[in-house]
Amino acid sequence: MAGNERHPVKTRDEIAEAYSSPPWWYDVRGFLILTFAYNSSLGEQLRFFGRNFGQKHLEIACGTATLLALVLKWRSRHHMDPVSVTAIDYAESMLAGARWRFKGNPDVEIRHADAAALPFADNSFDTANIANSVHCFPDVDGALRDALRVLKPGGSLAANVLLYPEGRGLLASIANRINVWGAKKGILVTPYRRDDIRKRFVDAGFEIASDTVSGNCYNVLLRKPV
């Protein structure tokens, strides 16, 4: 994959069906994609997402919520304040894993919802995270606009986005092969170029508080204007 190529767009239901793997396989597959496609690390993600939790938090496209559980444990180890979390996803098979993981936890609510049509009132949440999912959204611009809508003024959104790999080395070749497989499987809509996705965040109405590139991953902290 190169340039700003786009893959044939699948519907939300088709993408949800592509995520119908057993939760354990989704988690194993996710670890391999994180390592070889993102060229990122779990520790890096825990530090990045773990700091962006307000009192009322929204986790968008949570999948099986494995990463969310690890982030909350990371926060607890670092003696950070407890939070109330609402986590959403569109794939029911993923939500089954998330519901099992947080069964009996009154501080985490799991809901079925579309990232581009969130069933929440305006200005509902202090913070939101989109972990490892922006590049899977069939309507990324709609999802970003709705994330902005449900955040309170001054609220923050942390997101990471899969980028096209740079260079021609072995790691870039492996990342490209994984991306091609992901697109055929239906779990990847497209990687992005940094300038392209950065502009989409700004066009949605966000202010960029900070952003970095690590491996093939664009990490960005955004704020809703006051």
C-alpha atoms as a PDB file:
ATOM      1  CA  MET A   1       0.000   0.000   0.000  1.00  0.00           C
ATOM      2  CA  ALA A   2       1.243   3.447  -0.758  1.00  0.00           C
ATOM      3  CA  GLY A   3       0.019   6.969  -1.188  1.00  0.00           C
ATOM      4  CA  ASN A   4      -3.517   7.848  -0.136  1.00  0.00           C
ATOM      5  CA  GLU A   5      -5.065   4.731  -1.613  1.00  0.00           C
ATOM      6  CA  ARG A   6      -8.499   3.854  -0.264  1.00  0.00           C
ATOM      7  CA  HIS A   7      -9.965   0.383  -0.112  1.00  0.00           C
ATOM      8  CA  PRO A   8     -13.531  -0.471  -1.131  1.00  0.00           C
ATOM      9  CA  VAL A   9     -15.663   0.842   1.711  1.00  0.00           C
ATOM     10  CA  LYS A  10     -17.574  -1.754   3.675  1.00  0.00           C
ATOM     11  CA  THR A  11     -20.732  -1.125   5.644  1.00  0.00           C
ATOM     12  CA  ARG A  12     -20.768  -1.054   9.432  1.00  0.00           C
ATOM     13  CA  ASP A  13     -22.447  -4.451   9.495  1.00  0.00           C
ATOM     14  CA  GLU A  14     -19.830  -5.945   7.168  1.00  0.00           C
ATOM     15  CA  ILE A  15     -17.054  -4.610   9.379  1.00  0.00           C
ATOM     16  CA  ALA A  16     -18.815  -5.952  12.481  1.00  0.00           C
ATOM     17  CA  GLU A  17     -19.051  -9.361  10.798  1.00  0.00           C
ATOM     18  CA  ALA A  18     -15.315  -9.251  10.043  1.00  0.00           C
ATOM     19  CA  TYR A  19     -14.775  -8.864  13.782  1.00  0.00           C
ATOM     20  CA  SER A  20     -16.809 -11.981  14.576  1.00  0.00           C
ATOM     21  CA  SER A  21     -13.725 -13.947  15.659  1.00  0.00           C
ATOM     22  CA  PRO A  22     -13.649 -15.430  19.179  1.00  0.00           C
ATOM     23  CA  PRO A  23     -12.502 -12.754  21.659  1.00  0.00           C
ATOM     24  CA  TRP A  24      -9.291 -14.664  22.514  1.00  0.00           C
ATOM     25  CA  TRP A  25      -8.244 -14.756  18.849  1.00  0.00           C
ATOM     26  CA  TYR A  26      -9.086 -11.074  18.459  1.00  0.00           C
ATOM     27  CA  ASP A  27      -6.724 -10.297  21.340  1.00  0.00           C
ATOM     28  CA  VAL A  28      -3.869 -12.425  19.946  1.00  0.00           C
ATOM     29  CA  ARG A  29      -4.353 -10.961  16.490  1.00  0.00           C
ATOM     30  CA  GLY A  30      -4.428  -7.458  17.964  1.00  0.00           C
ATOM     31  CA  PHE A  31      -1.116  -7.990  19.740  1.00  0.00           C
ATOM     32  CA  LEU A  32       0.544  -9.117  16.500  1.00  0.00           C
ATOM     33  CA  ILE A  33      -0.902  -6.161  14.571  1.00  0.00           C
ATOM     34  CA  LEU A  34       0.225  -3.762  17.306  1.00  0.00           C
ATOM     35  CA  THR A  35       3.754  -5.127  17.167  1.00  0.00           C
ATOM     36  CA  PHE A  36       4.271  -5.570  13.445  1.00  0.00           C
ATOM     37  CA  ALA A  37       1.865  -3.136  11.737  1.00  0.00           C
ATOM     38  CA  TYR A  38       1.846  -0.265  14.230  1.00  0.00           C
ATOM     39  CA  ASN A  39       5.471  -0.879  15.285  1.00  0.00           C
ATOM     40  CA  SER A  40       4.282   0.263  18.686  1.00  0.00           C
ATOM     41  CA  SER A  41       4.258  -1.312  22.149  1.00  0.00           C
ATOM     42  CA  LEU A  42       1.671  -2.078  24.794  1.00  0.00           C
ATOM     43  CA  GLY A  43       3.531  -0.001  27.379  1.00  0.00           C
ATOM     44  CA  GLU A  44       3.472   2.990  25.068  1.00  0.00           C
ATOM     45  CA  GLN A  45      -0.294   2.679  24.641  1.00  0.00           C
ATOM     46  CA  LEU A  46      -0.919   2.283  28.367  1.00  0.00           C
ATOM     47  CA  ARG A  47       0.962   5.499  29.090  1.00  0.00           C
ATOM     48  CA  PHE A  48      -0.675   7.411  26.246  1.00  0.00           C
ATOM     49  CA  PHE A  49      -4.307   6.413  26.842  1.00  0.00           C
ATOM     50  CA  GLY A  50      -4.050   5.948  30.606  1.00  0.00           C
ATOM     51  CA  ARG A  51      -3.486   9.632  31.247  1.00  0.00           C
ATOM     52  CA  ASN A  52      -6.607  10.711  29.356  1.00  0.00           C
ATOM     53  CA  PHE A  53      -9.404   9.767  31.753  1.00  0.00           C
ATOM     54  CA  GLY A  54     -11.723  12.335  33.284  1.00  0.00           C
ATOM     55  CA  GLN A  55     -14.350  11.584  35.878  1.00  0.00           C
ATOM     56  CA  LYS A  56     -16.836  10.591  33.153  1.00  0.00           C
ATOM     57  CA  HIS A  57     -15.090   8.824  30.286  1.00  0.00           C
ATOM     58  CA  LEU A  58     -16.169   7.385  26.918  1.00  0.00           C
ATOM     59  CA  GLU A  59     -14.216   4.526  25.310  1.00  0.00           C
ATOM     60  CA  ILE A  60     -15.103   4.441  21.607  1.00  0.00           C
ATOM     61  CA  ALA A  61     -14.738   1.152  19.663  1.00  0.00           C
ATOM     62  CA  CYS A  62     -13.585  -0.779  22.723  1.00  0.00           C
ATOM     63  CA  GLY A  63     -13.543  -4.212  21.047  1.00  0.00           C
ATOM     64  CA  THR A  64     -13.216  -6.923  23.705  1.00  0.00           C
ATOM     65  CA  ALA A  65     -12.090  -4.197  26.150  1.00  0.00           C
ATOM     66  CA  THR A  66      -8.813  -5.998  26.838  1.00  0.00           C
ATOM     67  CA  LEU A  67      -6.826  -2.804  26.369  1.00  0.00           C
ATOM     68  CA  LEU A  68      -9.336  -0.836  28.454  1.00  0.00           C
ATOM     69  CA  ALA A  69      -8.942  -3.332  31.317  1.00  0.00           C
ATOM     70  CA  LEU A  70      -5.150  -3.059  31.119  1.00  0.00           C
ATOM     71  CA  VAL A  71      -5.318   0.746  31.045  1.00  0.00           C
ATOM     72  CA  LEU A  72      -7.546   0.836  34.122  1.00  0.00           C
ATOM     73  CA  LYS A  73      -5.141  -1.490  35.952  1.00  0.00           C
ATOM     74  CA  TRP A  74      -2.262   0.770  34.899  1.00  0.00           C
ATOM     75  CA  ARG A  75      -4.123   3.754  36.335  1.00  0.00           C
ATOM     76  CA  SER A  76      -4.772   1.905  39.578  1.00  0.00           C
ATOM     77  CA  ARG A  77      -1.090   0.976  39.927  1.00  0.00           C
ATOM     78  CA  HIS A  78      -0.210   4.637  39.475  1.00  0.00           C
ATOM     79  CA  HIS A  79      -2.766   5.683  42.133  1.00  0.00           C
ATOM     80  CA  MET A  80      -4.882   7.700  39.706  1.00  0.00           C
ATOM     81  CA  ASP A  81      -8.462   8.666  40.535  1.00  0.00           C
ATOM     82  CA  PRO A  82     -11.228   6.116  39.847  1.00  0.00           C
ATOM     83  CA  VAL A  83     -13.463   6.952  36.896  1.00  0.00           C
ATOM     84  CA  SER A  84     -16.864   6.111  35.467  1.00  0.00           C
ATOM     85  CA  VAL A  85     -16.483   4.551  32.002  1.00  0.00           C
ATOM     86  CA  THR A  86     -18.948   3.978  29.185  1.00  0.00           C
ATOM     87  CA  ALA A  87     -17.480   1.715  26.481  1.00  0.00           C
ATOM     88  CA  ILE A  88     -19.100   1.224  23.074  1.00  0.00           C
ATOM     89  CA  ASP A  89     -18.556  -0.955  20.021  1.00  0.00           C
ATOM     90  CA  TYR A  90     -20.586  -1.964  16.979  1.00  0.00           C
ATOM     91  CA  ALA A  91     -19.550  -5.645  16.838  1.00  0.00           C
ATOM     92  CA  GLU A  92     -21.686  -7.757  19.156  1.00  0.00           C
ATOM     93  CA  SER A  93     -19.104 -10.565  19.272  1.00  0.00           C
ATOM     94  CA  MET A  94     -16.530  -8.110  20.611  1.00  0.00           C
ATOM     95  CA  LEU A  95     -19.008  -6.709  23.119  1.00  0.00           C
ATOM     96  CA  ALA A  96     -19.637 -10.209  24.461  1.00  0.00           C
ATOM     97  CA  GLY A  97     -15.991 -10.349  25.506  1.00  0.00           C
ATOM     98  CA  ALA A  98     -16.156  -6.841  26.977  1.00  0.00           C
ATOM     99  CA  ARG A  99     -19.290  -7.631  28.989  1.00  0.00           C
ATOM    100  CA  TRP A 100     -17.695 -10.793  30.372  1.00  0.00           C
ATOM    101  CA  ARG A 101     -14.520  -8.914  31.288  1.00  0.00           C
ATOM    102  CA  PHE A 102     -16.360  -6.208  33.250  1.00  0.00           C
ATOM    103  CA  LYS A 103     -19.198  -8.313  34.602  1.00  0.00           C
ATOM    104  CA  GLY A 104     -20.139  -7.037  38.043  1.00  0.00           C
ATOM    105  CA  ASN A 105     -18.109  -3.829  37.713  1.00  0.00           C
ATOM    106  CA  PRO A 106     -20.530  -0.918  38.325  1.00  0.00           C
ATOM    107  CA  ASP A 107     -17.979   1.638  37.131  1.00  0.00           C
ATOM    108  CA  VAL A 108     -17.880   0.311  33.545  1.00  0.00           C
ATOM    109  CA  GLU A 109     -20.959   0.261  31.290  1.00  0.00           C
ATOM    110  CA  ILE A 110     -20.754  -1.638  27.992  1.00  0.00           C
ATOM    111  CA  ARG A 111     -23.105  -0.556  25.196  1.00  0.00           C
ATOM    112  CA  HIS A 112     -23.737  -1.390  21.561  1.00  0.00           C
ATOM    113  CA  ALA A 113     -23.416   1.777  19.480  1.00  0.00           C
ATOM    114  CA  ASP A 114     -22.153   3.221  16.213  1.00  0.00           C
ATOM    115  CA  ALA A 115     -19.176   5.568  16.599  1.00  0.00           C
ATOM    116  CA  ALA A 116     -20.699   7.907  13.997  1.00  0.00           C
ATOM    117  CA  ALA A 117     -24.120   8.012  15.718  1.00  0.00           C
ATOM    118  CA  LEU A 118     -23.415   7.974  19.446  1.00  0.00           C
ATOM    119  CA  PRO A 119     -26.578   7.595  21.573  1.00  0.00           C
ATOM    120  CA  PHE A 120     -25.534  10.254  24.075  1.00  0.00           C
ATOM    121  CA  ALA A 121     -26.523  13.850  24.692  1.00  0.00           C
ATOM    122  CA  ASP A 122     -24.298  16.767  23.753  1.00  0.00           C
ATOM    123  CA  ASN A 123     -21.575  17.652  26.270  1.00  0.00           C
ATOM    124  CA  SER A 124     -21.889  14.352  28.200  1.00  0.00           C
ATOM    125  CA  PHE A 125     -18.283  13.265  28.780  1.00  0.00           C
ATOM    126  CA  ASP A 126     -15.107  14.759  30.212  1.00  0.00           C
ATOM    127  CA  THR A 127     -12.804  12.597  28.101  1.00  0.00           C
ATOM    128  CA  ALA A 128     -12.834   9.987  25.329  1.00  0.00           C
ATOM    129  CA  ASN A 129     -10.343   7.544  23.835  1.00  0.00           C
ATOM    130  CA  ILE A 130     -10.265   5.864  20.430  1.00  0.00           C
ATOM    131  CA  ALA A 131      -7.613   3.166  20.671  1.00  0.00           C
ATOM    132  CA  ASN A 132      -6.453   1.290  17.548  1.00  0.00           C
ATOM    133  CA  SER A 133      -9.716   1.940  15.710  1.00  0.00           C
ATOM    134  CA  VAL A 134      -9.852   5.218  13.755  1.00  0.00           C
ATOM    135  CA  HIS A 135      -8.556   3.491  10.626  1.00  0.00           C
ATOM    136  CA  CYS A 136     -11.378   0.914  10.920  1.00  0.00           C
ATOM    137  CA  PHE A 137     -14.230   3.452  10.762  1.00  0.00           C
ATOM    138  CA  PRO A 138     -16.243   3.484   7.510  1.00  0.00           C
ATOM    139  CA  ASP A 139     -17.313   7.077   8.314  1.00  0.00           C
ATOM    140  CA  VAL A 140     -14.275   8.491  10.086  1.00  0.00           C
ATOM    141  CA  ASP A 141     -15.340  12.129   9.676  1.00  0.00           C
ATOM    142  CA  GLY A 142     -18.793  11.423  11.101  1.00  0.00           C
ATOM    143  CA  ALA A 143     -17.250   9.571  14.043  1.00  0.00           C
ATOM    144  CA  LEU A 144     -14.904  12.456  14.830  1.00  0.00           C
ATOM    145  CA  ARG A 145     -17.725  15.000  14.662  1.00  0.00           C
ATOM    146  CA  ASP A 146     -19.854  12.911  17.010  1.00  0.00           C
ATOM    147  CA  ALA A 147     -16.968  12.422  19.439  1.00  0.00           C
ATOM    148  CA  LEU A 148     -16.623  16.198  19.559  1.00  0.00           C
ATOM    149  CA  ARG A 149     -20.365  16.614  20.095  1.00  0.00           C
ATOM    150  CA  VAL A 150     -20.568  14.375  23.172  1.00  0.00           C
ATOM    151  CA  LEU A 151     -17.475  15.847  24.854  1.00  0.00           C
ATOM    152  CA  LYS A 152     -17.889  18.712  27.272  1.00  0.00           C
ATOM    153  CA  PRO A 153     -16.249  22.030  26.283  1.00  0.00           C
ATOM    154  CA  GLY A 154     -12.571  21.695  27.174  1.00  0.00           C
ATOM    155  CA  GLY A 155     -12.866  17.893  27.132  1.00  0.00           C
ATOM    156  CA  SER A 156     -10.128  15.813  25.531  1.00  0.00           C
ATOM    157  CA  LEU A 157      -9.943  12.969  23.052  1.00  0.00           C
ATOM    158  CA  ALA A 158      -6.880  10.714  22.783  1.00  0.00           C
ATOM    159  CA  ALA A 159      -6.586   8.691  19.583  1.00  0.00           C
ATOM    160  CA  ASN A 160      -4.004   6.740  17.673  1.00  0.00           C
ATOM    161  CA  VAL A 161      -4.132   6.109  13.945  1.00  0.00           C
ATOM    162  CA  LEU A 162      -2.404   3.516  11.776  1.00  0.00           C
ATOM    163  CA  LEU A 163      -0.138   5.208   9.232  1.00  0.00           C
ATOM    164  CA  TYR A 164       1.188   3.932   5.937  1.00  0.00           C
ATOM    165  CA  PRO A 165       4.647   2.485   6.692  1.00  0.00           C
ATOM    166  CA  GLU A 166       7.602   4.493   5.479  1.00  0.00           C
ATOM    167  CA  GLY A 167      10.668   3.074   3.750  1.00  0.00           C
ATOM    168  CA  ARG A 168      11.372  -0.224   2.016  1.00  0.00           C
ATOM    169  CA  GLY A 169      12.915  -2.305   4.812  1.00  0.00           C
ATOM    170  CA  LEU A 170      11.742  -5.589   6.296  1.00  0.00           C
ATOM    171  CA  LEU A 171       9.486  -3.985   8.930  1.00  0.00           C
ATOM    172  CA  ALA A 172       7.767  -1.850   6.288  1.00  0.00           C
ATOM    173  CA  SER A 173       7.248  -4.923   4.124  1.00  0.00           C
ATOM    174  CA  ILE A 174       5.709  -6.869   7.012  1.00  0.00           C
ATOM    175  CA  ALA A 175       3.458  -3.923   7.927  1.00  0.00           C
ATOM    176  CA  ASN A 176       2.297  -3.595   4.318  1.00  0.00           C
ATOM    177  CA  ARG A 177       1.445  -7.300   4.144  1.00  0.00           C
ATOM    178  CA  ILE A 178      -0.561  -7.084   7.368  1.00  0.00           C
ATOM    179  CA  ASN A 179      -2.414  -4.028   6.054  1.00  0.00           C
ATOM    180  CA  VAL A 180      -3.280  -5.798   2.797  1.00  0.00           C
ATOM    181  CA  TRP A 181      -4.559  -8.789   4.786  1.00  0.00           C
ATOM    182  CA  GLY A 182      -6.558  -6.520   7.105  1.00  0.00           C
ATOM    183  CA  ALA A 183      -8.231  -4.780   4.176  1.00  0.00           C
ATOM    184  CA  LYS A 184      -9.180  -8.108   2.569  1.00  0.00           C
ATOM    185  CA  LYS A 185     -10.413  -9.454   5.897  1.00  0.00           C
ATOM    186  CA  GLY A 186     -12.539  -6.339   6.354  1.00  0.00           C
ATOM    187  CA  ILE A 187     -11.039  -5.148   9.650  1.00  0.00           C
ATOM    188  CA  LEU A 188      -9.125  -2.251   8.067  1.00  0.00           C
ATOM    189  CA  VAL A 189     -10.673   0.509   5.985  1.00  0.00           C
ATOM    190  CA  THR A 190      -7.395   2.324   5.346  1.00  0.00           C
ATOM    191  CA  PRO A 191      -4.182   3.521   6.927  1.00  0.00           C
ATOM    192  CA  TYR A 192      -3.606   7.273   6.732  1.00  0.00           C
ATOM    193  CA  ARG A 193      -0.954   9.829   6.019  1.00  0.00           C
ATOM    194  CA  ARG A 194      -0.279  12.009   9.051  1.00  0.00           C
ATOM    195  CA  ASP A 195      -1.236  15.279   7.330  1.00  0.00           C
ATOM    196  CA  ASP A 196      -4.488  13.783   6.036  1.00  0.00           C
ATOM    197  CA  ILE A 197      -5.782  12.498   9.376  1.00  0.00           C
ATOM    198  CA  ARG A 198      -4.502  15.562  11.223  1.00  0.00           C
ATOM    199  CA  LYS A 199      -6.587  17.750   8.911  1.00  0.00           C
ATOM    200  CA  ARG A 200      -9.636  15.552   9.524  1.00  0.00           C
ATOM    201  CA  PHE A 201      -9.323  16.067  13.286  1.00  0.00           C
ATOM    202  CA  VAL A 202      -9.095  19.832  12.818  1.00  0.00           C
ATOM    203  CA  ASP A 203     -11.949  19.909  10.297  1.00  0.00           C
ATOM    204  CA  ALA A 204     -14.129  18.037  12.811  1.00  0.00           C
ATOM    205  CA  GLY A 205     -13.658  20.956  15.194  1.00  0.00           C
ATOM    206  CA  PHE A 206     -10.882  19.743  17.503  1.00  0.00           C
ATOM    207  CA  GLU A 207      -7.845  21.665  18.666  1.00  0.00           C
ATOM    208  CA  ILE A 208      -4.616  19.648  18.671  1.00  0.00           C
ATOM    209  CA  ALA A 209      -2.981  19.708  22.100  1.00  0.00           C
ATOM    210  CA  SER A 210      -0.089  17.393  21.188  1.00  0.00           C
ATOM    211  CA  ASP A 211       0.822  14.830  18.561  1.00  0.00           C
ATOM    212  CA  THR A 212       3.668  12.433  17.886  1.00  0.00           C
ATOM    213  CA  VAL A 213       4.524   9.659  15.458  1.00  0.00           C
ATOM    214  CA  SER A 214       5.865   6.405  16.879  1.00  0.00           C
ATOM    215  CA  GLY A 215       6.648   3.675  14.381  1.00  0.00           C
ATOM    216  CA  ASN A 216       3.645   3.542  12.046  1.00  0.00           C
ATOM    217  CA  CYS A 217       1.329   5.048  14.643  1.00  0.00           C
ATOM    218  CA  TYR A 218       0.123   8.637  14.965  1.00  0.00           C
ATOM    219  CA  ASN A 219      -0.721   9.491  18.576  1.00  0.00           C
ATOM    220  CA  VAL A 220      -2.747  12.650  19.047  1.00  0.00           C
ATOM    221  CA  LEU A 221      -4.353  14.391  22.022  1.00  0.00           C
ATOM    222  CA  LEU A 222      -7.214  16.662  21.011  1.00  0.00           C
ATOM    223  CA  ARG A 223      -9.375  19.173  22.867  1.00  0.00           C
ATOM    224  CA  LYS A 224     -12.872  20.483  22.304  1.00  0.00           C
ATOM    225  CA  PRO A 225     -12.782  24.288  22.261  1.00  0.00           C
ATOM    226  CA  VAL A 226     -14.289  26.002  25.288  1.00  0.00           C
END
